[in-house]
Amino acid sequence: MAFRRYGRDSIINQGVQFGTSESSFIIRRAVQLNLIPFTTTTILGQTRLDTLSGKIYGHSNLWWILASASGIGWGLQVPPGTRVVIPDLERVIDLIA
């Protein structure tokens, strides 16, 4: 399954779709208001968000969800010490679908 940073792509079976342009604000705001469950991790070494997303969500192209939730912009490489917010993917889908 292919994902693109911009546009609307399938994320899971049954055709649930999303667009990053309108979803980023929704995700960040939901985290700020504690509307979705999330965990956090602090980056200790050189880590890319796409690598982290691949380990957490099983899809490296969902890195933008971590970036949106964490408020760290669109850079894939994050410096050590960066706090990354990891929202529950099913709840994110519910919010933006």
PDB file of N, CA and C in Angstrom:
ATOM      1  N   MET A   1       0.852  -1.167   0.000  1.00  0.00           N
ATOM      2  CA  MET A   1       0.000   0.000   0.000  1.00  0.00           C
ATOM      3  C   MET A   1       0.898   1.230   0.000  1.00  0.00           C
ATOM      4  N   ALA A   2       0.605   2.164  -0.877  1.00  0.00           N
ATOM      5  CA  ALA A   2       1.425   3.366  -1.002  1.00  0.00           C
ATOM      6  C   ALA A   2       0.795   4.520  -0.234  1.00  0.00           C
ATOM      7  N   PHE A   3       1.643   5.300   0.395  1.00  0.00           N
ATOM      8  CA  PHE A   3       1.213   6.500   1.100  1.00  0.00           C
ATOM      9  C   PHE A   3       1.953   7.684   0.506  1.00  0.00           C
ATOM     10  N   ARG A   4       1.295   8.822   0.433  1.00  0.00           N
ATOM     11  CA  ARG A   4       1.943  10.050   0.003  1.00  0.00           C
ATOM     12  C   ARG A   4       1.793  11.082   1.112  1.00  0.00           C
ATOM     13  N   ARG A   5       2.746  11.981   1.180  1.00  0.00           N
ATOM     14  CA  ARG A   5       2.689  13.024   2.204  1.00  0.00           C
ATOM     15  C   ARG A   5       1.510  13.947   1.978  1.00  0.00           C
ATOM     16  N   TYR A   6       1.229  14.274   0.740  1.00  0.00           N
ATOM     17  CA  TYR A   6       0.134  15.174   0.419  1.00  0.00           C
ATOM     18  C   TYR A   6      -0.950  14.386  -0.313  1.00  0.00           C
ATOM     19  N   GLY A   7      -2.145  14.853  -0.209  1.00  0.00           N
ATOM     20  CA  GLY A   7      -3.235  14.186  -0.901  1.00  0.00           C
ATOM     21  C   GLY A   7      -3.986  13.244   0.020  1.00  0.00           C
ATOM     22  N   ARG A   8      -4.794  12.394  -0.579  1.00  0.00           N
ATOM     23  CA  ARG A   8      -5.628  11.480   0.195  1.00  0.00           C
ATOM     24  C   ARG A   8      -5.262  10.061  -0.202  1.00  0.00           C
ATOM     25  N   ASP A   9      -4.888   9.271   0.768  1.00  0.00           N
ATOM     26  CA  ASP A   9      -4.467   7.896   0.535  1.00  0.00           C
ATOM     27  C   ASP A   9      -5.168   6.972   1.514  1.00  0.00           C
ATOM     28  N   SER A  10      -5.324   5.735   1.115  1.00  0.00           N
ATOM     29  CA  SER A  10      -5.886   4.742   2.032  1.00  0.00           C
ATOM     30  C   SER A  10      -4.905   4.500   3.161  1.00  0.00           C
ATOM     31  N   ILE A  11      -5.434   4.320   4.346  1.00  0.00           N
ATOM     32  CA  ILE A  11      -4.580   4.053   5.497  1.00  0.00           C
ATOM     33  C   ILE A  11      -4.812   2.649   6.026  1.00  0.00           C
ATOM     34  N   ILE A  12      -6.024   2.175   5.956  1.00  0.00           N
ATOM     35  CA  ILE A  12      -6.324   0.833   6.431  1.00  0.00           C
ATOM     36  C   ILE A  12      -7.357   0.219   5.504  1.00  0.00           C
ATOM     37  N   ASN A  13      -7.649  -1.029   5.704  1.00  0.00           N
ATOM     38  CA  ASN A  13      -8.682  -1.698   4.925  1.00  0.00           C
ATOM     39  C   ASN A  13      -9.994  -0.962   5.096  1.00  0.00           C
ATOM     40  N   GLN A  14     -10.947  -1.243   4.318  1.00  0.00           N
ATOM     41  CA  GLN A  14     -12.256  -0.602   4.283  1.00  0.00           C
ATOM     42  C   GLN A  14     -12.196   0.825   3.758  1.00  0.00           C
ATOM     43  N   GLY A  15     -11.084   1.253   3.196  1.00  0.00           N
ATOM     44  CA  GLY A  15     -11.048   2.534   2.510  1.00  0.00           C
ATOM     45  C   GLY A  15     -11.069   3.785   3.352  1.00  0.00           C
ATOM     46  N   VAL A  16     -10.701   3.716   4.623  1.00  0.00           N
ATOM     47  CA  VAL A  16     -10.620   4.936   5.419  1.00  0.00           C
ATOM     48  C   VAL A  16      -9.515   5.799   4.819  1.00  0.00           C
ATOM     49  N   GLN A  17      -9.807   7.073   4.590  1.00  0.00           N
ATOM     50  CA  GLN A  17      -8.831   7.949   3.962  1.00  0.00           C
ATOM     51  C   GLN A  17      -8.661   9.232   4.762  1.00  0.00           C
ATOM     52  N   PHE A  18      -7.560   9.926   4.503  1.00  0.00           N
ATOM     53  CA  PHE A  18      -7.252  11.154   5.214  1.00  0.00           C
ATOM     54  C   PHE A  18      -6.394  12.035   4.347  1.00  0.00           C
ATOM     55  N   GLY A  19      -6.331  13.300   4.668  1.00  0.00           N
ATOM     56  CA  GLY A  19      -5.430  14.223   3.996  1.00  0.00           C
ATOM     57  C   GLY A  19      -4.601  14.943   5.038  1.00  0.00           C
ATOM     58  N   THR A  20      -3.308  15.025   4.837  1.00  0.00           N
ATOM     59  CA  THR A  20      -2.442  15.606   5.849  1.00  0.00           C
ATOM     60  C   THR A  20      -2.679  17.088   6.052  1.00  0.00           C
ATOM     61  N   SER A  21      -3.045  17.809   5.010  1.00  0.00           N
ATOM     62  CA  SER A  21      -3.184  19.256   5.148  1.00  0.00           C
ATOM     63  C   SER A  21      -4.247  19.633   6.171  1.00  0.00           C
ATOM     64  N   GLU A  22      -5.378  18.953   6.168  1.00  0.00           N
ATOM     65  CA  GLU A  22      -6.424  19.287   7.130  1.00  0.00           C
ATOM     66  C   GLU A  22      -6.308  18.492   8.424  1.00  0.00           C
ATOM     67  N   SER A  23      -5.562  17.416   8.414  1.00  0.00           N
ATOM     68  CA  SER A  23      -5.503  16.532   9.575  1.00  0.00           C
ATOM     69  C   SER A  23      -4.471  16.939  10.620  1.00  0.00           C
ATOM     70  N   SER A  24      -3.410  17.577  10.199  1.00  0.00           N
ATOM     71  CA  SER A  24      -2.337  17.923  11.132  1.00  0.00           C
ATOM     72  C   SER A  24      -2.829  18.778  12.291  1.00  0.00           C
ATOM     73  N   PHE A  25      -3.614  19.791  11.988  1.00  0.00           N
ATOM     74  CA  PHE A  25      -4.147  20.661  13.036  1.00  0.00           C
ATOM     75  C   PHE A  25      -5.054  19.872  13.970  1.00  0.00           C
ATOM     76  N   ILE A  26      -5.907  19.010  13.420  1.00  0.00           N
ATOM     77  CA  ILE A  26      -6.839  18.222  14.223  1.00  0.00           C
ATOM     78  C   ILE A  26      -6.078  17.315  15.192  1.00  0.00           C
ATOM     79  N   ILE A  27      -5.036  16.666  14.707  1.00  0.00           N
ATOM     80  CA  ILE A  27      -4.244  15.761  15.550  1.00  0.00           C
ATOM     81  C   ILE A  27      -3.572  16.530  16.679  1.00  0.00           C
ATOM     82  N   ARG A  28      -2.904  17.630  16.348  1.00  0.00           N
ATOM     83  CA  ARG A  28      -2.199  18.420  17.365  1.00  0.00           C
ATOM     84  C   ARG A  28      -3.166  18.933  18.431  1.00  0.00           C
ATOM     85  N   ARG A  29      -4.295  19.440  17.996  1.00  0.00           N
ATOM     86  CA  ARG A  29      -5.282  19.976  18.938  1.00  0.00           C
ATOM     87  C   ARG A  29      -5.853  18.872  19.833  1.00  0.00           C
ATOM     88  N   ALA A  30      -6.108  17.700  19.270  1.00  0.00           N
ATOM     89  CA  ALA A  30      -6.636  16.581  20.051  1.00  0.00           C
ATOM     90  C   ALA A  30      -5.643  16.146  21.131  1.00  0.00           C
ATOM     91  N   VAL A  31      -4.358  16.178  20.805  1.00  0.00           N
ATOM     92  CA  VAL A  31      -3.333  15.847  21.802  1.00  0.00           C
ATOM     93  C   VAL A  31      -3.304  16.914  22.892  1.00  0.00           C
ATOM     94  N   GLN A  32      -3.330  18.175  22.497  1.00  0.00           N
ATOM     95  CA  GLN A  32      -3.290  19.268  23.475  1.00  0.00           C
ATOM     96  C   GLN A  32      -4.471  19.230  24.438  1.00  0.00           C
ATOM     97  N   LEU A  33      -5.636  18.814  23.932  1.00  0.00           N
ATOM     98  CA  LEU A  33      -6.843  18.765  24.762  1.00  0.00           C
ATOM     99  C   LEU A  33      -7.079  17.393  25.402  1.00  0.00           C
ATOM    100  N   ASN A  34      -6.117  16.495  25.242  1.00  0.00           N
ATOM    101  CA  ASN A  34      -6.222  15.129  25.769  1.00  0.00           C
ATOM    102  C   ASN A  34      -7.475  14.413  25.287  1.00  0.00           C
ATOM    103  N   LEU A  35      -7.812  14.600  24.030  1.00  0.00           N
ATOM    104  CA  LEU A  35      -8.974  13.938  23.449  1.00  0.00           C
ATOM    105  C   LEU A  35      -8.647  12.551  22.906  1.00  0.00           C
ATOM    106  N   ILE A  36      -7.373  12.267  22.729  1.00  0.00           N
ATOM    107  CA  ILE A  36      -6.954  10.942  22.282  1.00  0.00           C
ATOM    108  C   ILE A  36      -5.830  10.455  23.187  1.00  0.00           C
ATOM    109  N   PRO A  37      -5.767   9.148  23.419  1.00  0.00           N
ATOM    110  CA  PRO A  37      -4.670   8.625  24.236  1.00  0.00           C
ATOM    111  C   PRO A  37      -3.346   8.708  23.471  1.00  0.00           C
ATOM    112  N   PHE A  38      -2.282   8.954  24.213  1.00  0.00           N
ATOM    113  CA  PHE A  38      -0.965   9.015  23.599  1.00  0.00           C
ATOM    114  C   PHE A  38       0.094   8.662  24.627  1.00  0.00           C
ATOM    115  N   THR A  39       1.232   8.283  24.120  1.00  0.00           N
ATOM    116  CA  THR A  39       2.414   8.086  24.949  1.00  0.00           C
ATOM    117  C   THR A  39       3.478   9.039  24.425  1.00  0.00           C
ATOM    118  N   THR A  40       4.560   9.153  25.150  1.00  0.00           N
ATOM    119  CA  THR A  40       5.657   9.995  24.683  1.00  0.00           C
ATOM    120  C   THR A  40       6.960   9.217  24.784  1.00  0.00           C
ATOM    121  N   THR A  41       7.898   9.633  23.983  1.00  0.00           N
ATOM    122  CA  THR A  41       9.242   9.097  24.056  1.00  0.00           C
ATOM    123  C   THR A  41      10.212  10.240  23.799  1.00  0.00           C
ATOM    124  N   THR A  42      11.374  10.154  24.359  1.00  0.00           N
ATOM    125  CA  THR A  42      12.407  11.153  24.122  1.00  0.00           C
ATOM    126  C   THR A  42      13.481  10.525  23.252  1.00  0.00           C
ATOM    127  N   ILE A  43      13.802  11.187  22.174  1.00  0.00           N
ATOM    128  CA  ILE A  43      14.812  10.686  21.243  1.00  0.00           C
ATOM    129  C   ILE A  43      16.183  10.790  21.904  1.00  0.00           C
ATOM    130  N   LEU A  44      16.876   9.678  21.971  1.00  0.00           N
ATOM    131  CA  LEU A  44      18.180   9.651  22.631  1.00  0.00           C
ATOM    132  C   LEU A  44      19.338   9.798  21.652  1.00  0.00           C
ATOM    133  N   GLY A  45      19.186   9.305  20.457  1.00  0.00           N
ATOM    134  CA  GLY A  45      20.244   9.397  19.459  1.00  0.00           C
ATOM    135  C   GLY A  45      19.684   9.940  18.160  1.00  0.00           C
ATOM    136  N   GLN A  46      20.435   9.761  17.085  1.00  0.00           N
ATOM    137  CA  GLN A  46      19.959  10.195  15.772  1.00  0.00           C
ATOM    138  C   GLN A  46      18.828   9.271  15.340  1.00  0.00           C
ATOM    139  N   THR A  47      17.633   9.804  15.237  1.00  0.00           N
ATOM    140  CA  THR A  47      16.463   9.028  14.853  1.00  0.00           C
ATOM    141  C   THR A  47      15.642   9.816  13.861  1.00  0.00           C
ATOM    142  N   ARG A  48      15.137   9.123  12.854  1.00  0.00           N
ATOM    143  CA  ARG A  48      14.237   9.732  11.880  1.00  0.00           C
ATOM    144  C   ARG A  48      12.809   9.367  12.250  1.00  0.00           C
ATOM    145  N   LEU A  49      11.896  10.297  12.026  1.00  0.00           N
ATOM    146  CA  LEU A  49      10.494  10.049  12.344  1.00  0.00           C
ATOM    147  C   LEU A  49       9.903   8.930  11.506  1.00  0.00           C
ATOM    148  N   ASP A  50      10.361   8.782  10.262  1.00  0.00           N
ATOM    149  CA  ASP A  50       9.826   7.696   9.444  1.00  0.00           C
ATOM    150  C   ASP A  50      10.251   6.335   9.969  1.00  0.00           C
ATOM    151  N   THR A  51      11.456   6.244  10.495  1.00  0.00           N
ATOM    152  CA  THR A  51      11.911   4.994  11.101  1.00  0.00           C
ATOM    153  C   THR A  51      11.115   4.692  12.357  1.00  0.00           C
ATOM    154  N   LEU A  52      10.916   5.695  13.185  1.00  0.00           N
ATOM    155  CA  LEU A  52      10.135   5.532  14.413  1.00  0.00           C
ATOM    156  C   LEU A  52       8.696   5.141  14.091  1.00  0.00           C
ATOM    157  N   SER A  53       8.108   5.787  13.103  1.00  0.00           N
ATOM    158  CA  SER A  53       6.742   5.473  12.695  1.00  0.00           C
ATOM    159  C   SER A  53       6.631   4.041  12.182  1.00  0.00           C
ATOM    160  N   GLY A  54       7.615   3.598  11.459  1.00  0.00           N
ATOM    161  CA  GLY A  54       7.624   2.218  10.971  1.00  0.00           C
ATOM    162  C   GLY A  54       7.623   1.215  12.109  1.00  0.00           C
ATOM    163  N   LYS A  55       8.392   1.498  13.145  1.00  0.00           N
ATOM    164  CA  LYS A  55       8.439   0.604  14.312  1.00  0.00           C
ATOM    165  C   LYS A  55       7.135   0.633  15.093  1.00  0.00           C
ATOM    166  N   ILE A  56       6.523   1.801  15.221  1.00  0.00           N
ATOM    167  CA  ILE A  56       5.327   1.963  16.058  1.00  0.00           C
ATOM    168  C   ILE A  56       4.055   1.558  15.323  1.00  0.00           C
ATOM    169  N   TYR A  57       3.875   2.105  14.129  1.00  0.00           N
ATOM    170  CA  TYR A  57       2.625   1.919  13.392  1.00  0.00           C
ATOM    171  C   TYR A  57       2.703   0.856  12.297  1.00  0.00           C
ATOM    172  N   GLY A  58       3.914   0.419  11.963  1.00  0.00           N
ATOM    173  CA  GLY A  58       4.061  -0.551  10.888  1.00  0.00           C
ATOM    174  C   GLY A  58       4.114   0.079   9.502  1.00  0.00           C
ATOM    175  N   HIS A  59       4.073   1.410   9.429  1.00  0.00           N
ATOM    176  CA  HIS A  59       4.151   2.147   8.166  1.00  0.00           C
ATOM    177  C   HIS A  59       5.039   3.363   8.368  1.00  0.00           C
ATOM    178  N   SER A  60       6.142   3.410   7.666  1.00  0.00           N
ATOM    179  CA  SER A  60       7.053   4.548   7.828  1.00  0.00           C
ATOM    180  C   SER A  60       6.472   5.836   7.255  1.00  0.00           C
ATOM    181  N   ASN A  61       5.505   5.738   6.354  1.00  0.00           N
ATOM    182  CA  ASN A  61       4.930   6.933   5.749  1.00  0.00           C
ATOM    183  C   ASN A  61       3.938   7.650   6.658  1.00  0.00           C
ATOM    184  N   LEU A  62       3.713   7.145   7.848  1.00  0.00           N
ATOM    185  CA  LEU A  62       2.835   7.814   8.807  1.00  0.00           C
ATOM    186  C   LEU A  62       3.622   8.698   9.774  1.00  0.00           C
ATOM    187  N   TRP A  63       4.861   9.024   9.409  1.00  0.00           N
ATOM    188  CA  TRP A  63       5.716   9.868  10.249  1.00  0.00           C
ATOM    189  C   TRP A  63       5.077  11.224  10.526  1.00  0.00           C
ATOM    190  N   TRP A  64       4.291  11.722   9.582  1.00  0.00           N
ATOM    191  CA  TRP A  64       3.685  13.044   9.730  1.00  0.00           C
ATOM    192  C   TRP A  64       2.704  13.080  10.904  1.00  0.00           C
ATOM    193  N   ILE A  65       2.134  11.942  11.278  1.00  0.00           N
ATOM    194  CA  ILE A  65       1.247  11.893  12.451  1.00  0.00           C
ATOM    195  C   ILE A  65       2.062  12.183  13.706  1.00  0.00           C
ATOM    196  N   LEU A  66       3.250  11.590  13.805  1.00  0.00           N
ATOM    197  CA  LEU A  66       4.134  11.869  14.948  1.00  0.00           C
ATOM    198  C   LEU A  66       4.561  13.329  14.951  1.00  0.00           C
ATOM    199  N   ALA A  67       4.892  13.861  13.775  1.00  0.00           N
ATOM    200  CA  ALA A  67       5.306  15.263  13.677  1.00  0.00           C
ATOM    201  C   ALA A  67       4.172  16.186  14.073  1.00  0.00           C
ATOM    202  N   SER A  68       2.967  15.903  13.593  1.00  0.00           N
ATOM    203  CA  SER A  68       1.803  16.737  13.922  1.00  0.00           C
ATOM    204  C   SER A  68       1.502  16.707  15.406  1.00  0.00           C
ATOM    205  N   ALA A  69       1.460  15.519  15.974  1.00  0.00           N
ATOM    206  CA  ALA A  69       1.127  15.371  17.389  1.00  0.00           C
ATOM    207  C   ALA A  69       2.169  16.016  18.285  1.00  0.00           C
ATOM    208  N   SER A  70       3.412  15.995  17.851  1.00  0.00           N
ATOM    209  CA  SER A  70       4.511  16.509  18.664  1.00  0.00           C
ATOM    210  C   SER A  70       4.764  17.996  18.464  1.00  0.00           C
ATOM    211  N   GLY A  71       4.203  18.561  17.400  1.00  0.00           N
ATOM    212  CA  GLY A  71       4.427  19.970  17.112  1.00  0.00           C
ATOM    213  C   GLY A  71       5.861  20.267  16.731  1.00  0.00           C
ATOM    214  N   ILE A  72       6.495  19.340  16.011  1.00  0.00           N
ATOM    215  CA  ILE A  72       7.908  19.522  15.673  1.00  0.00           C
ATOM    216  C   ILE A  72       8.149  19.828  14.201  1.00  0.00           C
ATOM    217  N   GLY A  73       7.111  20.154  13.462  1.00  0.00           N
ATOM    218  CA  GLY A  73       7.298  20.518  12.063  1.00  0.00           C
ATOM    219  C   GLY A  73       7.386  19.308  11.160  1.00  0.00           C
ATOM    220  N   TRP A  74       7.936  19.526   9.978  1.00  0.00           N
ATOM    221  CA  TRP A  74       7.928  18.487   8.961  1.00  0.00           C
ATOM    222  C   TRP A  74       9.282  17.850   8.719  1.00  0.00           C
ATOM    223  N   GLY A  75      10.252  18.064   9.588  1.00  0.00           N
ATOM    224  CA  GLY A  75      11.556  17.438   9.407  1.00  0.00           C
ATOM    225  C   GLY A  75      11.526  15.972   9.795  1.00  0.00           C
ATOM    226  N   LEU A  76      12.142  15.142   8.977  1.00  0.00           N
ATOM    227  CA  LEU A  76      12.204  13.716   9.302  1.00  0.00           C
ATOM    228  C   LEU A  76      13.248  13.426  10.372  1.00  0.00           C
ATOM    229  N   GLN A  77      14.391  14.120  10.315  1.00  0.00           N
ATOM    230  CA  GLN A  77      15.456  13.904  11.288  1.00  0.00           C
ATOM    231  C   GLN A  77      15.207  14.803  12.488  1.00  0.00           C
ATOM    232  N   VAL A  78      15.175  14.207  13.675  1.00  0.00           N
ATOM    233  CA  VAL A  78      14.980  14.999  14.886  1.00  0.00           C
ATOM    234  C   VAL A  78      16.209  14.861  15.780  1.00  0.00           C
ATOM    235  N   PRO A  79      16.594  15.943  16.431  1.00  0.00           N
ATOM    236  CA  PRO A  79      17.799  15.900  17.257  1.00  0.00           C
ATOM    237  C   PRO A  79      17.563  15.142  18.564  1.00  0.00           C
ATOM    238  N   PRO A  80      18.640  14.631  19.159  1.00  0.00           N
ATOM    239  CA  PRO A  80      18.520  13.977  20.465  1.00  0.00           C
ATOM    240  C   PRO A  80      17.893  14.929  21.479  1.00  0.00           C
ATOM    241  N   GLY A  81      17.061  14.386  22.355  1.00  0.00           N
ATOM    242  CA  GLY A  81      16.398  15.180  23.371  1.00  0.00           C
ATOM    243  C   GLY A  81      15.010  15.640  22.969  1.00  0.00           C
ATOM    244  N   THR A  82      14.629  15.406  21.712  1.00  0.00           N
ATOM    245  CA  THR A  82      13.305  15.800  21.239  1.00  0.00           C
ATOM    246  C   THR A  82      12.244  14.877  21.844  1.00  0.00           C
ATOM    247  N   ARG A  83      11.189  15.483  22.373  1.00  0.00           N
ATOM    248  CA  ARG A  83      10.064  14.714  22.926  1.00  0.00           C
ATOM    249  C   ARG A  83       9.070  14.458  21.800  1.00  0.00           C
ATOM    250  N   VAL A  84       8.819  13.185  21.520  1.00  0.00           N
ATOM    251  CA  VAL A  84       7.909  12.799  20.448  1.00  0.00           C
ATOM    252  C   VAL A  84       6.640  12.230  21.072  1.00  0.00           C
ATOM    253  N   VAL A  85       5.503  12.779  20.660  1.00  0.00           N
ATOM    254  CA  VAL A  85       4.200  12.312  21.113  1.00  0.00           C
ATOM    255  C   VAL A  85       3.722  11.233  20.144  1.00  0.00           C
ATOM    256  N   ILE A  86       3.270  10.116  20.691  1.00  0.00           N
ATOM    257  CA  ILE A  86       2.823   8.982  19.885  1.00  0.00           C
ATOM    258  C   ILE A  86       1.340   8.745  20.160  1.00  0.00           C
ATOM    259  N   PRO A  87       0.469   9.308  19.305  1.00  0.00           N
ATOM    260  CA  PRO A  87      -0.964   9.124  19.534  1.00  0.00           C
ATOM    261  C   PRO A  87      -1.435   7.737  19.099  1.00  0.00           C
ATOM    262  N   ASP A  88      -2.507   7.281  19.715  1.00  0.00           N
ATOM    263  CA  ASP A  88      -3.116   6.006  19.353  1.00  0.00           C
ATOM    264  C   ASP A  88      -3.648   6.115  17.922  1.00  0.00           C
ATOM    265  N   LEU A  89      -3.161   5.252  17.041  1.00  0.00           N
ATOM    266  CA  LEU A  89      -3.492   5.365  15.627  1.00  0.00           C
ATOM    267  C   LEU A  89      -4.979   5.165  15.358  1.00  0.00           C
ATOM    268  N   GLU A  90      -5.620   4.240  16.025  1.00  0.00           N
ATOM    269  CA  GLU A  90      -7.053   4.022  15.799  1.00  0.00           C
ATOM    270  C   GLU A  90      -7.868   5.266  16.157  1.00  0.00           C
ATOM    271  N   ARG A  91      -7.487   5.932  17.221  1.00  0.00           N
ATOM    272  CA  ARG A  91      -8.196   7.163  17.616  1.00  0.00           C
ATOM    273  C   ARG A  91      -7.918   8.291  16.626  1.00  0.00           C
ATOM    274  N   VAL A  92      -6.688   8.346  16.107  1.00  0.00           N
ATOM    275  CA  VAL A  92      -6.371   9.342  15.085  1.00  0.00           C
ATOM    276  C   VAL A  92      -7.256   9.118  13.866  1.00  0.00           C
ATOM    277  N   ILE A  93      -7.379   7.876  13.455  1.00  0.00           N
ATOM    278  CA  ILE A  93      -8.221   7.551  12.304  1.00  0.00           C
ATOM    279  C   ILE A  93      -9.661   7.980  12.564  1.00  0.00           C
ATOM    280  N   ASP A  94     -10.156   7.717  13.768  1.00  0.00           N
ATOM    281  CA  ASP A  94     -11.518   8.127  14.116  1.00  0.00           C
ATOM    282  C   ASP A  94     -11.700   9.643  14.013  1.00  0.00           C
ATOM    283  N   LEU A  95     -10.678  10.387  14.397  1.00  0.00           N
ATOM    284  CA  LEU A  95     -10.758  11.850  14.370  1.00  0.00           C
ATOM    285  C   LEU A  95     -10.757  12.422  12.962  1.00  0.00           C
ATOM    286  N   ILE A  96      -9.935  11.853  12.112  1.00  0.00           N
ATOM    287  CA  ILE A  96      -9.716  12.473  10.806  1.00  0.00           C
ATOM    288  C   ILE A  96     -10.450  11.777   9.672  1.00  0.00           C
ATOM    289  N   ALA A  97     -11.096  10.686   9.950  1.00  0.00           N
ATOM    290  CA  ALA A  97     -11.788   9.949   8.868  1.00  0.00           C
ATOM    291  C   ALA A  97     -13.078  10.617   8.496  1.00  0.00           C
TER     292      ALA A  97
END
